[in-house]
Each structure stands twice: as C-alpha cells, then as structure tokens.
C-alpha cells in the first residue's frame, strides 16, 4: 500500500482531531462538555471500514 485512500486519511485525522479536542475541552472547559464529542468515535471507525471495503472489494 503505497498511498492511503481518502477514507483512511479522513478517519485517521478525524480520530486524532477528535481525541485532541476532547482532551483540550475536558481540561480547559468542563469534562462533561467533552463527553459530547465521544459519539463521533464510531463515525471514524465506520469511515475506516468503508476505506477497507473500497480497497479490498469482494469478488
């Protein structure tokens, strides 16, 4: 795999951005407000699965 497909990139950078934003909000503002961001983790997982299915389709 020489290059990542766009779904992998979106899933990886979205996960990292979500994690960093959640840590920053929990430390700077309120831990309960940071819990609002946790439902987005399945979205990044689903995008990674979609990328896997695009890269390895069934025959």
N, C-alpha and C. Protein backbone atom coordinates (compact mmCIF):
# COMPACT_ATOMS: atom_id res chain seq x y z
N UNK A 1 0.86 -1.18 0.00
CA UNK A 1 0.00 0.00 0.00
C UNK A 1 0.89 1.23 0.00
N UNK A 2 1.03 1.85 -1.14
CA UNK A 2 1.93 2.99 -1.25
C UNK A 2 1.28 4.28 -0.75
N UNK A 3 0.00 4.48 -1.03
CA UNK A 3 -0.70 5.67 -0.55
C UNK A 3 -1.97 5.25 0.15
N UNK A 4 -2.37 6.06 1.09
CA UNK A 4 -3.63 5.81 1.79
C UNK A 4 -4.77 6.32 0.93
N UNK A 5 -5.88 5.62 0.97
CA UNK A 5 -7.04 6.16 0.28
C UNK A 5 -7.66 7.26 1.13
N UNK A 6 -8.58 8.01 0.54
CA UNK A 6 -9.10 9.20 1.22
C UNK A 6 -9.90 8.85 2.47
N UNK A 7 -10.52 7.68 2.50
CA UNK A 7 -11.28 7.30 3.68
C UNK A 7 -10.36 7.05 4.89
N UNK A 8 -9.22 6.43 4.64
CA UNK A 8 -8.25 6.22 5.73
C UNK A 8 -7.75 7.55 6.26
N UNK A 9 -7.45 8.47 5.37
CA UNK A 9 -6.95 9.78 5.80
C UNK A 9 -7.98 10.52 6.64
N UNK A 10 -9.22 10.53 6.17
CA UNK A 10 -10.27 11.22 6.91
C UNK A 10 -10.49 10.55 8.26
N UNK A 11 -10.51 9.23 8.30
CA UNK A 11 -10.74 8.51 9.55
C UNK A 11 -9.60 8.74 10.54
N UNK A 12 -8.36 8.68 10.06
CA UNK A 12 -7.21 8.85 10.95
C UNK A 12 -7.13 10.27 11.50
N UNK A 13 -7.19 11.25 10.62
CA UNK A 13 -7.07 12.63 11.08
C UNK A 13 -8.30 13.08 11.87
N UNK A 14 -9.46 12.56 11.53
CA UNK A 14 -10.66 12.86 12.31
C UNK A 14 -10.57 12.29 13.72
N UNK A 15 -10.06 11.07 13.82
CA UNK A 15 -9.89 10.45 15.14
C UNK A 15 -8.90 11.23 16.00
N UNK A 16 -7.76 11.61 15.40
CA UNK A 16 -6.75 12.37 16.14
C UNK A 16 -7.29 13.74 16.55
N UNK A 17 -7.97 14.42 15.64
CA UNK A 17 -8.53 15.74 15.95
C UNK A 17 -9.60 15.63 17.04
N UNK A 18 -10.43 14.60 16.96
CA UNK A 18 -11.47 14.40 17.96
C UNK A 18 -10.86 14.12 19.34
N UNK A 19 -9.83 13.28 19.37
CA UNK A 19 -9.17 12.96 20.63
C UNK A 19 -8.52 14.19 21.25
N UNK A 20 -7.79 14.96 20.44
CA UNK A 20 -7.14 16.16 20.95
C UNK A 20 -8.16 17.20 21.41
N UNK A 21 -9.21 17.38 20.63
CA UNK A 21 -10.25 18.34 21.01
C UNK A 21 -10.94 17.92 22.30
N UNK A 22 -11.16 16.63 22.46
CA UNK A 22 -11.81 16.14 23.68
C UNK A 22 -10.91 16.35 24.90
N UNK A 23 -9.62 16.12 24.75
CA UNK A 23 -8.70 16.34 25.87
C UNK A 23 -8.61 17.82 26.21
N UNK A 24 -8.51 18.66 25.21
CA UNK A 24 -8.39 20.10 25.46
C UNK A 24 -9.66 20.65 26.10
N UNK A 25 -10.82 20.24 25.61
CA UNK A 25 -12.08 20.73 26.18
C UNK A 25 -12.25 20.21 27.61
N UNK A 26 -11.85 18.97 27.86
CA UNK A 26 -12.02 18.44 29.22
C UNK A 26 -11.10 19.14 30.22
N UNK A 27 -9.92 19.54 29.77
CA UNK A 27 -9.00 20.22 30.68
C UNK A 27 -9.30 21.71 30.80
N UNK A 28 -9.69 22.34 29.72
CA UNK A 28 -9.86 23.79 29.72
C UNK A 28 -11.26 24.23 30.11
N UNK A 29 -12.28 23.47 29.74
CA UNK A 29 -13.64 23.95 29.96
C UNK A 29 -14.34 23.09 31.01
N UNK A 30 -14.76 21.90 30.61
CA UNK A 30 -15.55 21.05 31.51
C UNK A 30 -15.50 19.61 31.02
N UNK A 31 -15.24 18.66 31.91
CA UNK A 31 -15.19 17.26 31.47
C UNK A 31 -16.53 16.76 30.93
N UNK A 32 -17.62 17.27 31.45
CA UNK A 32 -18.93 16.81 30.98
C UNK A 32 -19.23 17.36 29.59
N UNK A 33 -18.72 18.52 29.26
CA UNK A 33 -18.90 19.06 27.92
C UNK A 33 -18.07 18.27 26.90
N UNK A 34 -16.95 17.74 27.33
CA UNK A 34 -16.12 16.93 26.43
C UNK A 34 -16.78 15.61 26.07
N UNK A 35 -17.69 15.17 26.90
CA UNK A 35 -18.40 13.92 26.61
C UNK A 35 -19.32 14.05 25.40
N UNK A 36 -19.61 15.27 24.99
CA UNK A 36 -20.44 15.49 23.80
C UNK A 36 -19.71 15.00 22.55
N UNK A 37 -18.38 15.00 22.57
CA UNK A 37 -17.59 14.62 21.41
C UNK A 37 -17.39 13.12 21.27
N UNK A 38 -17.67 12.36 22.30
CA UNK A 38 -17.40 10.93 22.25
C UNK A 38 -18.28 10.15 21.26
N UNK A 39 -19.49 10.59 20.92
CA UNK A 39 -20.25 9.81 19.92
C UNK A 39 -19.66 9.85 18.52
N UNK A 40 -18.65 10.67 18.27
CA UNK A 40 -18.05 10.73 16.95
C UNK A 40 -17.03 9.61 16.70
N UNK A 41 -16.60 8.89 17.72
CA UNK A 41 -15.63 7.82 17.52
C UNK A 41 -16.15 6.70 16.61
N UNK A 42 -17.40 6.28 16.73
CA UNK A 42 -17.89 5.28 15.77
C UNK A 42 -17.89 5.78 14.32
N UNK A 43 -18.04 7.08 14.13
CA UNK A 43 -18.01 7.62 12.77
C UNK A 43 -16.64 7.38 12.14
N UNK A 44 -15.58 7.61 12.90
CA UNK A 44 -14.22 7.40 12.37
C UNK A 44 -13.97 5.92 12.11
N UNK A 45 -14.50 5.06 12.97
CA UNK A 45 -14.35 3.62 12.76
C UNK A 45 -15.10 3.18 11.49
N UNK A 46 -16.31 3.70 11.30
CA UNK A 46 -17.08 3.35 10.11
C UNK A 46 -16.37 3.83 8.85
N UNK A 47 -15.78 5.02 8.88
CA UNK A 47 -15.04 5.51 7.71
C UNK A 47 -13.83 4.63 7.42
N UNK A 48 -13.18 4.13 8.45
CA UNK A 48 -12.04 3.23 8.23
C UNK A 48 -12.52 1.92 7.61
N UNK A 49 -13.67 1.42 8.04
CA UNK A 49 -14.21 0.20 7.46
C UNK A 49 -14.62 0.43 6.01
N UNK A 50 -15.20 1.58 5.71
CA UNK A 50 -15.56 1.89 4.33
C UNK A 50 -14.31 1.96 3.46
N UNK A 51 -13.26 2.55 3.98
CA UNK A 51 -12.00 2.59 3.24
C UNK A 51 -11.44 1.20 3.00
N UNK A 52 -11.54 0.34 3.99
CA UNK A 52 -11.09 -1.04 3.83
C UNK A 52 -11.90 -1.74 2.74
N UNK A 53 -13.22 -1.52 2.74
CA UNK A 53 -14.07 -2.17 1.76
C UNK A 53 -13.83 -1.61 0.36
N UNK A 54 -13.47 -0.33 0.25
CA UNK A 54 -13.14 0.23 -1.06
C UNK A 54 -11.81 -0.32 -1.58
N UNK A 55 -10.88 -0.55 -0.66
CA UNK A 55 -9.57 -1.03 -1.06
C UNK A 55 -9.55 -2.53 -1.32
N UNK A 56 -10.39 -3.27 -0.59
CA UNK A 56 -10.45 -4.73 -0.73
C UNK A 56 -11.88 -5.16 -1.03
N UNK A 57 -12.36 -4.92 -2.23
CA UNK A 57 -13.76 -5.29 -2.52
C UNK A 57 -13.92 -6.80 -2.67
N UNK A 58 -15.14 -7.26 -2.45
CA UNK A 58 -15.44 -8.68 -2.66
C UNK A 58 -15.46 -8.96 -4.15
N UNK A 59 -15.18 -10.18 -4.48
CA UNK A 59 -15.18 -10.54 -5.91
C UNK A 59 -16.45 -11.20 -6.32
